[in-house]
C-alpha atoms as a PDB file:
ATOM      1  CA  UNK A   1     -29.917 -88.162  27.275  1.00  0.00           C
ATOM      2  CA  UNK A   2     -31.246 -90.608  24.659  1.00  0.00           C
ATOM      3  CA  UNK A   3     -34.182 -88.453  23.590  1.00  0.00           C
ATOM      4  CA  UNK A   4     -32.117 -85.374  22.568  1.00  0.00           C
ATOM      5  CA  UNK A   5     -29.867 -87.625  20.485  1.00  0.00           C
ATOM      6  CA  UNK A   6     -32.924 -89.253  18.906  1.00  0.00           C
ATOM      7  CA  UNK A   7     -34.340 -85.814  18.058  1.00  0.00           C
ATOM      8  CA  UNK A   8     -31.017 -84.797  16.479  1.00  0.00           C
ATOM      9  CA  UNK A   9     -30.821 -87.976  14.360  1.00  0.00           C
ATOM     10  CA  UNK A  10     -34.423 -87.627  13.219  1.00  0.00           C
ATOM     11  CA  UNK A  11     -33.898 -83.945  12.398  1.00  0.00           C
ATOM     12  CA  UNK A  12     -30.861 -84.858  10.303  1.00  0.00           C
ATOM     13  CA  UNK A  13     -32.779 -87.531   8.399  1.00  0.00           C
ATOM     14  CA  UNK A  14     -35.769 -85.219   7.900  1.00  0.00           C
ATOM     15  CA  UNK A  15     -33.527 -82.446   6.546  1.00  0.00           C
ATOM     16  CA  UNK A  16     -31.851 -84.815   4.101  1.00  0.00           C
ATOM     17  CA  UNK A  17     -35.101 -86.229   2.782  1.00  0.00           C
ATOM     18  CA  UNK A  18     -36.676 -82.756   2.578  1.00  0.00           C
ATOM     19  CA  UNK A  19     -33.801 -81.437   0.452  1.00  0.00           C
ATOM     20  CA  UNK A  20     -34.005 -84.494  -1.803  1.00  0.00           C
ATOM     21  CA  UNK A  21     -37.778 -84.101  -2.204  1.00  0.00           C
ATOM     22  CA  UNK A  22     -37.390 -80.403  -2.969  1.00  0.00           C
ATOM     23  CA  UNK A  23     -34.905 -81.225  -5.730  1.00  0.00           C
ATOM     24  CA  UNK A  24     -37.302 -83.755  -7.266  1.00  0.00           C
ATOM     25  CA  UNK A  25     -40.271 -81.392  -7.428  1.00  0.00           C
ATOM     26  CA  UNK A  26     -41.191 -79.109 -10.304  1.00  0.00           C
ATOM     27  CA  UNK A  27     -43.624 -76.418  -9.195  1.00  0.00           C
ATOM     28  CA  UNK A  28     -43.740 -75.046  -5.664  1.00  0.00           C
ATOM     29  CA  UNK A  29     -46.848 -77.158  -4.928  1.00  0.00           C
ATOM     30  CA  UNK A  30     -45.076 -80.295  -6.138  1.00  0.00           C
ATOM     31  CA  UNK A  31     -42.083 -79.529  -3.951  1.00  0.00           C
ATOM     32  CA  UNK A  32     -44.242 -78.861  -0.871  1.00  0.00           C
ATOM     33  CA  UNK A  33     -46.225 -82.093  -1.225  1.00  0.00           C
ATOM     34  CA  UNK A  34     -43.120 -84.186  -1.867  1.00  0.00           C
ATOM     35  CA  UNK A  35     -41.380 -82.666   1.150  1.00  0.00           C
ATOM     36  CA  UNK A  36     -44.378 -83.335   3.400  1.00  0.00           C
ATOM     37  CA  UNK A  37     -44.729 -86.921   2.197  1.00  0.00           C
ATOM     38  CA  UNK A  38     -41.013 -87.638   2.589  1.00  0.00           C
ATOM     39  CA  UNK A  39     -40.936 -86.189   6.111  1.00  0.00           C
ATOM     40  CA  UNK A  40     -43.914 -88.332   7.145  1.00  0.00           C
ATOM     41  CA  UNK A  41     -42.202 -91.463   5.834  1.00  0.00           C
ATOM     42  CA  UNK A  42     -38.942 -90.770   7.685  1.00  0.00           C
ATOM     43  CA  UNK A  43     -40.746 -89.949  10.939  1.00  0.00           C
ATOM     44  CA  UNK A  44     -42.745 -93.176  10.574  1.00  0.00           C
ATOM     45  CA  UNK A  45     -39.550 -95.207  10.183  1.00  0.00           C
ATOM     46  CA  UNK A  46     -38.172 -93.747  13.405  1.00  0.00           C
ATOM     47  CA  UNK A  47     -41.315 -93.878  15.549  1.00  0.00           C
ATOM     48  CA  UNK A  48     -43.422 -96.849  14.391  1.00  0.00           C
ATOM     49  CA  UNK A  49     -41.370 -99.585  16.154  1.00  0.00           C
ATOM     50  CA  UNK A  50     -41.721 -97.724  19.444  1.00  0.00           C
ATOM     51  CA  UNK A  51     -45.428 -96.964  19.019  1.00  0.00           C
ATOM     52  CA  UNK A  52     -46.870-100.291  17.903  1.00  0.00           C
ATOM     53  CA  UNK A  53     -46.072-104.014  18.158  1.00  0.00           C
ATOM     54  CA  UNK A  54     -48.732-105.342  15.796  1.00  0.00           C
ATOM     55  CA  UNK A  55     -47.501-107.513  12.863  1.00  0.00           C
ATOM     56  CA  UNK A  56     -48.947-105.136  10.272  1.00  0.00           C
ATOM     57  CA  UNK A  57     -46.747-102.388  11.722  1.00  0.00           C
ATOM     58  CA  UNK A  58     -43.624-104.117  10.486  1.00  0.00           C
ATOM     59  CA  UNK A  59     -45.056-104.379   6.973  1.00  0.00           C
ATOM     60  CA  UNK A  60     -45.757-100.638   6.949  1.00  0.00           C
ATOM     61  CA  UNK A  61     -42.371 -99.938   8.550  1.00  0.00           C
ATOM     62  CA  UNK A  62     -40.525-101.922   5.868  1.00  0.00           C
ATOM     63  CA  UNK A  63     -42.280 -99.967   3.118  1.00  0.00           C
ATOM     64  CA  UNK A  64     -41.453 -96.679   4.836  1.00  0.00           C
ATOM     65  CA  UNK A  65     -37.823 -97.765   5.240  1.00  0.00           C
ATOM     66  CA  UNK A  66     -37.531 -98.414   1.500  1.00  0.00           C
ATOM     67  CA  UNK A  67     -39.061 -94.999   0.777  1.00  0.00           C
ATOM     68  CA  UNK A  68     -36.739 -93.262   3.245  1.00  0.00           C
ATOM     69  CA  UNK A  69     -33.679 -94.967   1.761  1.00  0.00           C
ATOM     70  CA  UNK A  70     -34.741 -93.840  -1.721  1.00  0.00           C
ATOM     71  CA  UNK A  71     -34.974 -90.262  -0.462  1.00  0.00           C
ATOM     72  CA  UNK A  72     -31.552 -90.425   1.167  1.00  0.00           C
ATOM     73  CA  UNK A  73     -29.981 -91.938  -1.954  1.00  0.00           C
ATOM     74  CA  UNK A  74     -31.481 -89.079  -3.955  1.00  0.00           C
ATOM     75  CA  UNK A  75     -29.897 -86.623  -1.529  1.00  0.00           C
ATOM     76  CA  UNK A  76     -26.485 -88.297  -1.767  1.00  0.00           C
ATOM     77  CA  UNK A  77     -26.680 -88.440  -5.573  1.00  0.00           C
ATOM     78  CA  UNK A  78     -27.688 -84.792  -5.967  1.00  0.00           C
ATOM     79  CA  UNK A  79     -25.112 -83.694  -3.408  1.00  0.00           C
ATOM     80  CA  UNK A  80     -22.365 -85.587  -5.238  1.00  0.00           C
ATOM     81  CA  UNK A  81     -23.517 -84.075  -8.542  1.00  0.00           C
ATOM     82  CA  UNK A  82     -23.348 -80.545  -7.129  1.00  0.00           C
ATOM     83  CA  UNK A  83     -19.883 -81.240  -5.769  1.00  0.00           C
ATOM     84  CA  UNK A  84     -18.799 -82.618  -9.152  1.00  0.00           C
ATOM     85  CA  UNK A  85     -20.138 -79.483 -10.877  1.00  0.00           C
ATOM     86  CA  UNK A  86     -18.101 -77.314  -8.532  1.00  0.00           C
ATOM     87  CA  UNK A  87     -15.003 -79.402  -9.216  1.00  0.00           C
ATOM     88  CA  UNK A  88     -15.663 -79.183 -12.951  1.00  0.00           C
ATOM     89  CA  UNK A  89     -15.865 -75.399 -12.767  1.00  0.00           C
ATOM     90  CA  UNK A  90     -12.615 -75.298 -10.841  1.00  0.00           C
ATOM     91  CA  UNK A  91     -11.064 -77.680 -13.362  1.00  0.00           C
ATOM     92  CA  UNK A  92     -12.237 -75.513 -16.281  1.00  0.00           C
ATOM     93  CA  UNK A  93     -10.677 -72.519 -14.564  1.00  0.00           C
ATOM     94  CA  UNK A  94      -7.433 -74.461 -14.273  1.00  0.00           C
ATOM     95  CA  UNK A  95      -7.507 -75.356 -17.988  1.00  0.00           C
ATOM     96  CA  UNK A  96      -8.125 -71.750 -19.037  1.00  0.00           C
ATOM     97  CA  UNK A  97      -5.410 -70.492 -16.726  1.00  0.00           C
ATOM     98  CA  UNK A  98      -2.940 -73.047 -18.087  1.00  0.00           C
ATOM     99  CA  UNK A  99      -3.597 -71.786 -21.604  1.00  0.00           C
ATOM    100  CA  UNK A 100      -2.810 -68.250 -20.465  1.00  0.00           C
ATOM    101  CA  UNK A 101       0.424 -69.514 -18.919  1.00  0.00           C
ATOM    102  CA  UNK A 102       1.427 -71.226 -22.167  1.00  0.00           C
ATOM    103  CA  UNK A 103       0.696 -68.040 -24.139  1.00  0.00           C
ATOM    104  CA  UNK A 104       2.743 -65.927 -21.733  1.00  0.00           C
ATOM    105  CA  UNK A 105       5.677 -68.363 -21.889  1.00  0.00           C
ATOM    106  CA  UNK A 106       5.573 -68.352 -25.706  1.00  0.00           C
ATOM    107  CA  UNK A 107       5.617 -64.550 -25.789  1.00  0.00           C
ATOM    108  CA  UNK A 108       8.403 -64.461 -23.229  1.00  0.00           C
ATOM    109  CA  UNK A 109      10.538 -66.853 -25.260  1.00  0.00           C
ATOM    110  CA  UNK A 110      10.517 -64.425 -28.222  1.00  0.00           C
ATOM    111  CA  UNK A 111      11.815 -61.500 -26.177  1.00  0.00           C
ATOM    112  CA  UNK A 112      15.597 -61.123 -26.391  1.00  0.00           C
ATOM    113  CA  UNK A 113      15.956 -57.822 -24.544  1.00  0.00           C
ATOM    114  CA  UNK A 114      18.783 -57.426 -22.073  1.00  0.00           C
ATOM    115  CA  UNK A 115      18.118 -56.475 -18.434  1.00  0.00           C
ATOM    116  CA  UNK A 116      16.586 -52.997 -18.118  1.00  0.00           C
ATOM    117  CA  UNK A 117      19.368 -51.711 -15.875  1.00  0.00           C
ATOM    118  CA  UNK A 118      22.034 -52.591 -18.449  1.00  0.00           C
ATOM    119  CA  UNK A 119      20.139 -50.996 -21.332  1.00  0.00           C
ATOM    120  CA  UNK A 120      19.353 -47.883 -19.295  1.00  0.00           C
ATOM    121  CA  UNK A 121      23.018 -47.400 -18.429  1.00  0.00           C
ATOM    122  CA  UNK A 122      23.992 -47.721 -22.089  1.00  0.00           C
ATOM    123  CA  UNK A 123      21.254 -45.264 -23.111  1.00  0.00           C
ATOM    124  CA  UNK A 124      22.688 -42.668 -20.722  1.00  0.00           C
ATOM    125  CA  UNK A 125      26.023 -42.556 -22.565  1.00  0.00           C
ATOM    126  CA  UNK A 126      24.739 -42.981 -26.138  1.00  0.00           C
ATOM    127  CA  UNK A 127      24.276 -39.870 -28.275  1.00  0.00           C
ATOM    128  CA  UNK A 128      23.355 -41.353 -31.675  1.00  0.00           C
ATOM    129  CA  UNK A 129      19.662 -40.868 -32.371  1.00  0.00           C
ATOM    130  CA  UNK A 130      19.119 -44.267 -34.029  1.00  0.00           C
ATOM    131  CA  UNK A 131      20.962 -46.153 -31.303  1.00  0.00           C
ATOM    132  CA  UNK A 132      19.016 -44.295 -28.604  1.00  0.00           C
ATOM    133  CA  UNK A 133      15.741 -45.212 -30.356  1.00  0.00           C
ATOM    134  CA  UNK A 134      16.766 -48.887 -30.503  1.00  0.00           C
ATOM    135  CA  UNK A 135      17.769 -48.815 -26.854  1.00  0.00           C
ATOM    136  CA  UNK A 136      14.416 -47.291 -25.865  1.00  0.00           C
ATOM    137  CA  UNK A 137      12.630 -50.055 -27.802  1.00  0.00           C
ATOM    138  CA  UNK A 138      14.789 -52.612 -25.984  1.00  0.00           C
ATOM    139  CA  UNK A 139      13.836 -51.048 -22.639  1.00  0.00           C
ATOM    140  CA  UNK A 140      10.149 -51.327 -23.585  1.00  0.00           C
ATOM    141  CA  UNK A 141      10.660 -54.986 -24.430  1.00  0.00           C
ATOM    142  CA  UNK A 142      12.427 -55.498 -21.117  1.00  0.00           C
ATOM    143  CA  UNK A 143       9.471 -53.953 -19.259  1.00  0.00           C
ATOM    144  CA  UNK A 144       7.088 -56.186 -21.204  1.00  0.00           C
ATOM    145  CA  UNK A 145       9.221 -59.190 -20.257  1.00  0.00           C
ATOM    146  CA  UNK A 146       8.974 -58.232 -16.583  1.00  0.00           C
ATOM    147  CA  UNK A 147       5.198 -57.888 -16.845  1.00  0.00           C
ATOM    148  CA  UNK A 148       4.961 -61.347 -18.414  1.00  0.00           C
ATOM    149  CA  UNK A 149       7.040 -62.804 -15.590  1.00  0.00           C
ATOM    150  CA  UNK A 150       4.704 -61.217 -13.037  1.00  0.00           C
ATOM    151  CA  UNK A 151       1.680 -62.644 -14.895  1.00  0.00           C
ATOM    152  CA  UNK A 152       3.265 -66.102 -14.919  1.00  0.00           C
ATOM    153  CA  UNK A 153       3.760 -65.978 -11.145  1.00  0.00           C
ATOM    154  CA  UNK A 154       0.130 -64.923 -10.608  1.00  0.00           C
ATOM    155  CA  UNK A 155      -1.310 -67.511 -13.006  1.00  0.00           C
ATOM    156  CA  UNK A 156       0.781 -70.292 -11.494  1.00  0.00           C
ATOM    157  CA  UNK A 157      -0.740 -69.542  -8.077  1.00  0.00           C
ATOM    158  CA  UNK A 158      -4.255 -69.608  -9.555  1.00  0.00           C
ATOM    159  CA  UNK A 159      -3.789 -72.925 -11.333  1.00  0.00           C
ATOM    160  CA  UNK A 160      -2.385 -74.498  -8.168  1.00  0.00           C
ATOM    161  CA  UNK A 161      -5.567 -73.591  -6.255  1.00  0.00           C
ATOM    162  CA  UNK A 162      -7.961 -74.529  -9.055  1.00  0.00           C
ATOM    163  CA  UNK A 163      -6.404 -77.853 -10.009  1.00  0.00           C
ATOM    164  CA  UNK A 164      -9.021 -80.016  -8.260  1.00  0.00           C
ATOM    165  CA  UNK A 165     -10.098 -83.466  -9.547  1.00  0.00           C
ATOM    166  CA  UNK A 166     -13.637 -83.642 -10.949  1.00  0.00           C
ATOM    167  CA  UNK A 167     -14.475 -86.962  -9.255  1.00  0.00           C
ATOM    168  CA  UNK A 168     -14.531 -87.527  -5.515  1.00  0.00           C
ATOM    169  CA  UNK A 169     -11.028 -88.728  -4.542  1.00  0.00           C
ATOM    170  CA  UNK A 170     -12.257 -91.248  -1.939  1.00  0.00           C
ATOM    171  CA  UNK A 171     -14.828 -92.747  -4.304  1.00  0.00           C
ATOM    172  CA  UNK A 172     -12.207 -93.003  -7.048  1.00  0.00           C
ATOM    173  CA  UNK A 173      -9.767 -94.794  -4.755  1.00  0.00           C
ATOM    174  CA  UNK A 174     -12.421 -97.218  -3.478  1.00  0.00           C
ATOM    175  CA  UNK A 175     -13.416 -97.972  -7.064  1.00  0.00           C
ATOM    176  CA  UNK A 176      -9.797 -98.736  -7.893  1.00  0.00           C
ATOM    177  CA  UNK A 177      -9.449-101.045  -4.887  1.00  0.00           C
ATOM    178  CA  UNK A 178     -12.751-102.906  -5.283  1.00  0.00           C
ATOM    179  CA  UNK A 179     -12.798-103.019  -9.071  1.00  0.00           C
ATOM    180  CA  UNK A 180     -16.293-101.520  -9.098  1.00  0.00           C
ATOM    181  CA  UNK A 181     -17.513 -98.613 -11.155  1.00  0.00           C
ATOM    182  CA  UNK A 182     -17.438 -95.259  -9.327  1.00  0.00           C
ATOM    183  CA  UNK A 183     -21.232 -94.978  -9.537  1.00  0.00           C
ATOM    184  CA  UNK A 184     -21.605 -98.423  -7.942  1.00  0.00           C
ATOM    185  CA  UNK A 185     -19.287 -97.428  -5.099  1.00  0.00           C
ATOM    186  CA  UNK A 186     -21.255 -94.202  -4.571  1.00  0.00           C
ATOM    187  CA  UNK A 187     -24.574 -96.096  -4.431  1.00  0.00           C
ATOM    188  CA  UNK A 188     -23.156 -98.675  -1.996  1.00  0.00           C
ATOM    189  CA  UNK A 189     -21.851 -95.939   0.308  1.00  0.00           C
ATOM    190  CA  UNK A 190     -25.109 -93.988   0.147  1.00  0.00           C
ATOM    191  CA  UNK A 191     -27.158 -97.129   0.783  1.00  0.00           C
ATOM    192  CA  UNK A 192     -25.051 -98.033   3.828  1.00  0.00           C
ATOM    193  CA  UNK A 193     -25.281 -94.558   5.332  1.00  0.00           C
ATOM    194  CA  UNK A 194     -29.025 -94.373   4.676  1.00  0.00           C
ATOM    195  CA  UNK A 195     -29.796 -97.710   6.342  1.00  0.00           C
ATOM    196  CA  UNK A 196     -27.571 -96.893   9.321  1.00  0.00           C
ATOM    197  CA  UNK A 197     -29.208 -93.498   9.811  1.00  0.00           C
ATOM    198  CA  UNK A 198     -32.737 -94.922   9.754  1.00  0.00           C
ATOM    199  CA  UNK A 199     -31.960 -97.889  12.013  1.00  0.00           C
ATOM    200  CA  UNK A 200     -30.135 -95.677  14.512  1.00  0.00           C
ATOM    201  CA  UNK A 201     -33.094 -93.297  14.597  1.00  0.00           C
ATOM    202  CA  UNK A 202     -35.595 -96.128  15.104  1.00  0.00           C
ATOM    203  CA  UNK A 203     -33.495 -97.730  17.868  1.00  0.00           C
ATOM    204  CA  UNK A 204     -32.983 -94.453  19.726  1.00  0.00           C
ATOM    205  CA  UNK A 205     -36.702 -93.635  19.690  1.00  0.00           C
ATOM    206  CA  UNK A 206     -37.557 -97.167  20.793  1.00  0.00           C
ATOM    207  CA  UNK A 207     -35.260 -96.832  23.803  1.00  0.00           C
ATOM    208  CA  UNK A 208     -36.395 -93.282  24.560  1.00  0.00           C
ATOM    209  CA  UNK A 209     -40.102 -94.096  24.454  1.00  0.00           C
ATOM    210  CA  UNK A 210     -39.695 -97.381  26.322  1.00  0.00           C
ATOM    211  CA  UNK A 211     -38.493 -95.412  29.308  1.00  0.00           C
ATOM    212  CA  UNK A 212     -41.592 -93.233  29.129  1.00  0.00           C
ATOM    213  CA  UNK A 213     -44.078 -96.084  28.669  1.00  0.00           C
ATOM    214  CA  UNK A 214     -47.228 -95.675  30.706  1.00  0.00           C
ATOM    215  CA  UNK A 215     -48.968 -98.383  32.666  1.00  0.00           C
ATOM    216  CA  UNK A 216     -52.718 -98.578  33.153  1.00  0.00           C
ATOM    217  CA  UNK A 217     -53.157 -99.968  36.633  1.00  0.00           C
ATOM    218  CA  UNK A 218     -56.239-100.635  38.792  1.00  0.00           C
ATOM    219  CA  UNK A 219     -55.526-100.329  42.497  1.00  0.00           C
ATOM    220  CA  UNK A 220     -56.694-103.240  44.632  1.00  0.00           C
ATOM    221  CA  UNK A 221     -58.713-100.976  46.902  1.00  0.00           C
ATOM    222  CA  UNK A 222     -60.709 -99.306  44.125  1.00  0.00           C
ATOM    223  CA  UNK A 223     -62.035 -99.629  40.609  1.00  0.00           C
ATOM    224  CA  UNK A 224     -60.603 -96.455  39.096  1.00  0.00           C
ATOM    225  CA  UNK A 225     -58.006 -96.939  36.369  1.00  0.00           C
ATOM    226  CA  UNK A 226     -54.895 -94.812  36.824  1.00  0.00           C
ATOM    227  CA  UNK A 227     -52.493 -93.993  33.975  1.00  0.00           C
ATOM    228  CA  UNK A 228     -49.072 -93.003  35.239  1.00  0.00           C
ATOM    229  CA  UNK A 229     -45.472 -93.090  34.015  1.00  0.00           C
ATOM    230  CA  UNK A 230     -43.506 -96.200  34.885  1.00  0.00           C
ATOM    231  CA  UNK A 231     -41.257 -94.216  37.208  1.00  0.00           C
ATOM    232  CA  UNK A 232     -44.270 -93.090  39.300  1.00  0.00           C
ATOM    233  CA  UNK A 233     -45.723 -96.608  39.430  1.00  0.00           C
ATOM    234  CA  UNK A 234     -42.357 -98.013  40.518  1.00  0.00           C
ATOM    235  CA  UNK A 235     -42.110 -95.444  43.318  1.00  0.00           C
ATOM    236  CA  UNK A 236     -45.598 -96.339  44.473  1.00  0.00           C
ATOM    237  CA  UNK A 237     -44.817-100.060  44.357  1.00  0.00           C
ATOM    238  CA  UNK A 238     -41.647 -99.653  46.372  1.00  0.00           C
ATOM    239  CA  UNK A 239     -43.554 -97.799  49.024  1.00  0.00           C
ATOM    240  CA  UNK A 240     -46.255-100.484  49.018  1.00  0.00           C
ATOM    241  CA  UNK A 241     -43.655-103.255  49.362  1.00  0.00           C
ATOM    242  CA  UNK A 242     -42.008-101.412  52.267  1.00  0.00           C
ATOM    243  CA  UNK A 243     -45.353-101.012  54.013  1.00  0.00           C
ATOM    244  CA  UNK A 244     -46.241-104.662  53.407  1.00  0.00           C
ATOM    245  CA  UNK A 245     -49.213-103.874  51.178  1.00  0.00           C
ATOM    246  CA  UNK A 246     -47.688-105.623  48.145  1.00  0.00           C
ATOM    247  CA  UNK A 247     -45.515-108.698  47.753  1.00  0.00           C
ATOM    248  CA  UNK A 248     -42.338-108.194  45.736  1.00  0.00           C
ATOM    249  CA  UNK A 249     -43.112-110.642  42.962  1.00  0.00           C
ATOM    250  CA  UNK A 250     -45.061-110.706  39.717  1.00  0.00           C
ATOM    251  CA  UNK A 251     -48.184-112.203  41.282  1.00  0.00           C
ATOM    252  CA  UNK A 252     -48.202-109.679  44.116  1.00  0.00           C
ATOM    253  CA  UNK A 253     -47.809-106.769  41.688  1.00  0.00           C
ATOM    254  CA  UNK A 254     -50.645-108.088  39.508  1.00  0.00           C
ATOM    255  CA  UNK A 255     -52.932-108.406  42.504  1.00  0.00           C
ATOM    256  CA  UNK A 256     -51.988-104.967  43.825  1.00  0.00           C
ATOM    257  CA  UNK A 257     -52.330-103.089  40.522  1.00  0.00           C
ATOM    258  CA  UNK A 258     -54.599-105.327  38.505  1.00  0.00           C
ATOM    259  CA  UNK A 259     -52.275-105.004  35.508  1.00  0.00           C
ATOM    260  CA  UNK A 260     -51.258-107.529  32.869  1.00  0.00           C
ATOM    261  CA  UNK A 261     -48.649-110.274  33.295  1.00  0.00           C
ATOM    262  CA  UNK A 262     -46.196-108.493  30.947  1.00  0.00           C
ATOM    263  CA  UNK A 263     -46.575-105.195  32.771  1.00  0.00           C
ATOM    264  CA  UNK A 264     -46.170-106.885  36.133  1.00  0.00           C
ATOM    265  CA  UNK A 265     -42.953-108.580  34.954  1.00  0.00           C
ATOM    266  CA  UNK A 266     -41.553-105.278  33.727  1.00  0.00           C
ATOM    267  CA  UNK A 267     -42.467-103.531  36.973  1.00  0.00           C
ATOM    268  CA  UNK A 268     -41.003-106.344  39.034  1.00  0.00           C
ATOM    269  CA  UNK A 269     -37.656-105.804  37.298  1.00  0.00           C
ATOM    270  CA  UNK A 270     -37.820-102.088  38.009  1.00  0.00           C
ATOM    271  CA  UNK A 271     -38.762-102.563  41.670  1.00  0.00           C
END
C-alpha cells in the first residue's frame, strides 16, 4: 500500500516541478532541458535516502532538496499570478459593468413618462393630432424606460458574479493577522508545502524500498551467493529453525547464511 502512495506523491511533485520549469524556459529546447533537469532533481530527493547510506549522499540530497523547493516555489508563484490575472479580468469586467449600470440609472432618472398602460388608454380616447403625437412620444419613452430597467436587472446579475477580489482571500487574511506582507505570507506557505511534499515523498520511498531490500546470503552448505528478497529469506530461515538447521538468534543466522551482523539482526527481528 505504501508504494502506490509514494508513486502518487512523486508524480505530483514531478508534475509541479515540470510545469514550473516549462514556464521558466524560452525556446522549446530550453523548456525540455529544464523540465528534464527538474524531474531528475525531484526524483533524486525522493529516492536517494532509500538507495544509499553514504555520507556524501546526504550532501547531494540537501542540494537536490534546495533545487526541488525552488522549483515548487516557482510553481506556486506562477500559479498565484495566473489566478490573480483571472481575478483582475473579472474585476475589470465588474468595473465596466458598474459604469454601464450608472449610465442606465442616469438615463432612467431623466425619463418622466407615465406607465405605458395609462398613456395607451388616454391615447385611445384622444382625437387631437398634437396631443396624440405627444402621447405616442410618451409611450416610446415608457418603452425605453422599461428596456433600461431590464438592462439594469441583467447588469446587476453580471456584476454580482464578476465582483471577485484580485488578491487571494486566505493570503490577505493571514497577512492581516500576522502583520506580514502578502508576498511574504505566500512565500512562507509555498515553502512549507514544498518541504512537506519532498519529505513525505522521501519517507514513503524509504519505507517502501526498505520492505523490498535484498539480502546477499551464502548458505552454510555451499559457496554460492544467493540474492533474494527479505520475505523469501525469512521464509527459508523459519523453515530452517523449525527443522533445527539454524538457531533462532543473530549468531545462528550469521552462521547459517554467512551474512553481515546488521543483516542478521534485521532477519532475526523478522523471524
